[in-house]
Amino acid sequence: MTESDKRVWRREFLAVRNGLTEDVVRETGASLAEQALGLPELAGARTVAAYVSVGTEPGTLALLEALRARGVRVLLPALLPDNDLDWGEYTGPDSLVRVRHGGKMALFEPSGVRLGPGAVTSADVVLLPGLAVDAHGMRLGRGGGSYDRVLARLERADARPALVVLLYDAEVVPRVPAEAHDRPVHAVVTPSGVRRFGGA
């Protein structure tokens, strides 16, 4: 499978997402939080690296707030010019700032102190965005490479957090195109449940 195969798949999944209404996104975000909060990995986590959903991505704000209410330290990414990710702490909706990166979509990033790209290695759980995941736990991302760098950094540091991708139900599929550098996740959370993978 090549990068061009992935581009075709990305277009198809994004087209479906772009047809979702605000109500559907909001309702599935609440269900997603409920399912995710039942994960044993999150129950015992002290630090979780997460992200703020944008547009029609499965909503994460309800989950971020619930984690914070539990006393979990939540780290959120800030996109760097080279597409790597720095990290900052989430202390509530007021700690977010909307940042537009060139011609890309605007992202919500932490407004506080930057902790450096290596901060993610302290996380017990890393919540990953994606467009799909397959029966082997292989994740199809958006193609920017930011989370490939995160996963490589975790590997270099011998950090072993639980890797969990948040998706809509229809985005769990039998197979996605994968390349040699792609790494499987441990679990996928959708609004209707959790699926675990043994290959990660």
Protein backbone atom coordinates (compact mmCIF):
# COMPACT_ATOMS: atom_id res chain seq x y z
CA MET A 1 0.00 0.00 0.00
CA THR A 2 1.28 3.44 -0.90
CA GLU A 3 0.74 6.98 0.28
CA SER A 4 -1.50 7.55 -2.77
CA ASP A 5 -3.75 4.67 -1.59
CA LYS A 6 -4.00 6.38 1.78
CA ARG A 7 -4.95 9.69 0.13
CA VAL A 8 -7.91 8.02 -1.62
CA TRP A 9 -9.08 6.46 1.65
CA ARG A 10 -8.68 9.75 3.52
CA ARG A 11 -10.83 11.58 0.97
CA GLU A 12 -13.58 8.99 1.34
CA PHE A 13 -13.67 9.03 5.14
CA LEU A 14 -13.50 12.84 5.26
CA ALA A 15 -16.39 13.11 2.78
CA VAL A 16 -18.59 11.06 5.12
CA ARG A 17 -17.53 13.08 8.17
CA ASN A 18 -18.17 16.36 6.39
CA GLY A 19 -21.81 15.32 5.93
CA LEU A 20 -22.42 14.99 9.69
CA THR A 21 -24.60 17.56 11.46
CA GLU A 22 -23.55 19.49 14.57
CA ASP A 23 -26.16 17.56 16.57
CA VAL A 24 -24.68 14.20 15.55
CA VAL A 25 -21.15 15.38 16.39
CA ARG A 26 -22.28 16.65 19.81
CA GLU A 27 -24.29 13.52 20.67
CA THR A 28 -21.53 11.14 19.59
CA GLY A 29 -19.00 13.18 21.59
CA ALA A 30 -21.02 12.55 24.76
CA SER A 31 -21.30 8.82 23.98
CA LEU A 32 -17.60 8.64 23.13
CA ALA A 33 -16.68 10.19 26.49
CA GLU A 34 -18.92 7.74 28.33
CA GLN A 35 -17.32 4.74 26.58
CA ALA A 36 -13.76 6.04 26.99
CA LEU A 37 -14.19 6.78 30.69
CA GLY A 38 -14.94 3.11 31.25
CA LEU A 39 -11.49 2.09 29.99
CA PRO A 40 -9.37 0.59 32.78
CA GLU A 41 -6.32 2.35 31.27
CA LEU A 42 -7.98 5.74 31.78
CA ALA A 43 -9.27 4.79 35.23
CA GLY A 44 -5.70 4.39 36.46
CA ALA A 45 -4.08 7.14 34.41
CA ARG A 46 -2.35 10.08 36.06
CA THR A 47 -1.37 11.78 32.78
CA VAL A 48 -3.25 11.54 29.49
CA ALA A 49 -2.08 13.06 26.20
CA ALA A 50 -5.20 13.99 24.26
CA TYR A 51 -6.29 16.52 21.64
CA VAL A 52 -9.13 18.96 20.98
CA SER A 53 -11.43 17.80 18.21
CA VAL A 54 -12.19 20.24 15.40
CA GLY A 55 -14.96 20.37 12.84
CA THR A 56 -16.69 17.02 12.41
CA GLU A 57 -14.05 14.96 14.23
CA PRO A 58 -15.51 12.79 17.01
CA GLY A 59 -15.91 15.25 19.87
CA THR A 60 -13.35 15.20 22.69
CA LEU A 61 -14.27 18.19 24.89
CA ALA A 62 -16.66 16.22 27.13
CA LEU A 63 -13.91 13.63 27.66
CA LEU A 64 -11.25 16.27 28.41
CA GLU A 65 -13.49 17.86 31.03
CA ALA A 66 -14.34 14.52 32.62
CA LEU A 67 -10.67 13.57 32.85
CA ARG A 68 -9.80 16.92 34.39
CA ALA A 69 -12.64 16.52 36.90
CA ARG A 70 -11.07 13.18 37.92
CA GLY A 71 -7.81 14.96 38.69
CA VAL A 72 -6.01 13.61 35.63
CA ARG A 73 -3.25 15.76 34.15
CA VAL A 74 -4.28 16.30 30.52
CA LEU A 75 -1.68 17.27 27.92
CA LEU A 76 -2.74 18.80 24.61
CA PRO A 77 -0.68 19.27 21.45
CA ALA A 78 0.48 22.48 19.83
CA LEU A 79 1.51 22.12 16.19
CA LEU A 80 5.07 23.21 15.40
CA PRO A 81 6.17 24.62 11.99
CA ASP A 82 7.73 21.28 11.01
CA ASN A 83 4.48 19.37 11.88
CA ASP A 84 5.96 17.97 15.09
CA LEU A 85 3.95 18.46 18.29
CA ASP A 86 4.80 20.43 21.41
CA TRP A 87 2.58 19.93 24.48
CA GLY A 88 0.86 22.06 27.10
CA GLU A 89 -1.49 21.38 29.98
CA TYR A 90 -5.28 21.59 29.70
CA THR A 91 -6.79 23.42 32.67
CA GLY A 92 -10.29 23.95 31.27
CA PRO A 93 -11.95 25.48 28.19
CA ASP A 94 -10.48 28.90 29.06
CA SER A 95 -6.98 27.46 28.63
CA LEU A 96 -7.54 26.91 24.89
CA VAL A 97 -6.64 29.31 22.12
CA ARG A 98 -7.66 29.02 18.45
CA VAL A 99 -4.59 28.96 16.21
CA ARG A 100 -4.54 28.95 12.42
CA HIS A 101 -1.46 27.34 10.89
CA GLY A 102 -0.99 28.73 7.37
CA GLY A 103 -3.62 27.36 5.03
CA LYS A 104 -4.53 24.48 7.34
CA MET A 105 -7.59 24.28 9.54
CA ALA A 106 -7.61 26.25 12.78
CA LEU A 107 -6.75 24.17 15.83
CA PHE A 108 -7.50 24.64 19.51
CA GLU A 109 -4.22 24.54 21.43
CA PRO A 110 -3.19 25.03 25.06
CA SER A 111 -2.41 28.68 25.82
CA GLY A 112 -0.09 28.00 28.77
CA VAL A 113 3.55 27.04 29.13
CA ARG A 114 5.00 24.77 26.44
CA LEU A 115 6.46 21.59 27.90
CA GLY A 116 8.43 20.40 24.84
CA PRO A 117 7.83 17.56 22.37
CA GLY A 118 9.19 15.02 24.85
CA ALA A 119 6.43 15.72 27.40
CA VAL A 120 4.25 13.10 25.72
CA THR A 121 6.59 10.36 27.01
CA SER A 122 5.21 10.96 30.53
CA ALA A 123 1.66 9.98 29.49
CA ASP A 124 0.02 6.79 30.74
CA VAL A 125 -2.46 6.94 27.84
CA VAL A 126 -2.18 8.67 24.46
CA LEU A 127 -5.48 9.42 22.73
CA LEU A 128 -4.90 9.59 18.99
CA PRO A 129 -6.99 11.23 16.29
CA GLY A 130 -7.58 9.26 13.12
CA LEU A 131 -9.89 8.62 10.21
CA ALA A 132 -10.15 4.83 10.51
CA VAL A 133 -8.69 1.78 12.22
CA ASP A 134 -8.69 -1.79 10.99
CA ALA A 135 -9.05 -5.26 12.49
CA HIS A 136 -5.32 -5.34 13.31
CA GLY A 137 -5.31 -1.98 15.09
CA MET A 138 -3.64 -0.12 12.21
CA ARG A 139 -4.70 3.55 12.23
CA LEU A 140 -5.26 5.75 9.20
CA GLY A 141 -4.32 9.31 10.12
CA ARG A 142 -4.78 12.57 8.24
CA GLY A 143 -1.37 12.35 6.60
CA GLY A 144 0.49 15.20 8.29
CA GLY A 145 2.87 12.82 10.06
CA SER A 146 2.58 14.55 13.45
CA TYR A 147 1.46 11.44 15.30
CA ASP A 148 3.94 9.23 13.45
CA ARG A 149 6.58 11.41 15.12
CA VAL A 150 4.85 11.07 18.49
CA LEU A 151 4.78 7.27 18.19
CA ALA A 152 8.44 7.19 17.11
CA ARG A 153 9.38 9.43 20.06
CA LEU A 154 7.57 7.12 22.48
CA GLU A 155 9.40 4.13 21.01
CA ARG A 156 12.82 5.83 21.29
CA ALA A 157 12.12 6.71 24.92
CA ASP A 158 10.93 3.14 25.62
CA ALA A 159 7.70 4.70 26.88
CA ARG A 160 4.75 2.32 26.70
CA PRO A 161 1.50 4.23 27.16
CA ALA A 162 -1.80 2.73 26.07
CA LEU A 163 -2.52 3.96 22.53
CA VAL A 164 -6.22 4.59 21.97
CA VAL A 165 -7.86 6.04 18.85
CA LEU A 166 -11.25 7.80 18.98
CA LEU A 167 -13.55 7.22 15.99
CA TYR A 168 -17.12 6.93 14.76
CA ASP A 169 -18.56 3.41 14.55
CA ALA A 170 -18.42 3.23 10.75
CA GLU A 171 -14.68 4.07 10.79
CA VAL A 172 -13.72 0.67 12.24
CA VAL A 173 -13.11 -1.33 9.06
CA PRO A 174 -11.59 -4.70 8.08
CA ARG A 175 -8.45 -3.17 6.55
CA VAL A 176 -6.73 0.18 5.99
CA PRO A 177 -3.65 0.79 3.85
CA ALA A 178 -0.52 0.56 6.01
CA GLU A 179 3.18 1.17 5.44
CA ALA A 180 6.26 -0.21 7.21
CA HIS A 181 6.51 2.75 9.64
CA ASP A 182 2.87 2.52 10.78
CA ARG A 183 2.28 1.26 14.30
CA PRO A 184 -0.86 -0.46 15.65
CA VAL A 185 -2.91 1.00 18.51
CA HIS A 186 -4.09 -0.93 21.56
CA ALA A 187 -7.78 -0.01 21.36
CA VAL A 188 -10.39 2.00 19.51
CA VAL A 189 -13.25 3.77 21.26
CA THR A 190 -16.42 4.57 19.32
CA PRO A 191 -19.76 5.89 20.55
CA SER A 192 -21.08 2.33 20.80
CA GLY A 193 -18.16 0.61 22.49
CA VAL A 194 -14.50 -0.37 22.79
CA ARG A 195 -12.51 -2.79 20.67
CA ARG A 196 -9.08 -4.02 21.70
CA PHE A 197 -6.22 -5.26 19.53
CA GLY A 198 -3.49 -7.72 20.42
CA GLY A 199 -0.84 -6.62 17.93
CA ALA A 200 0.22 -3.33 19.54
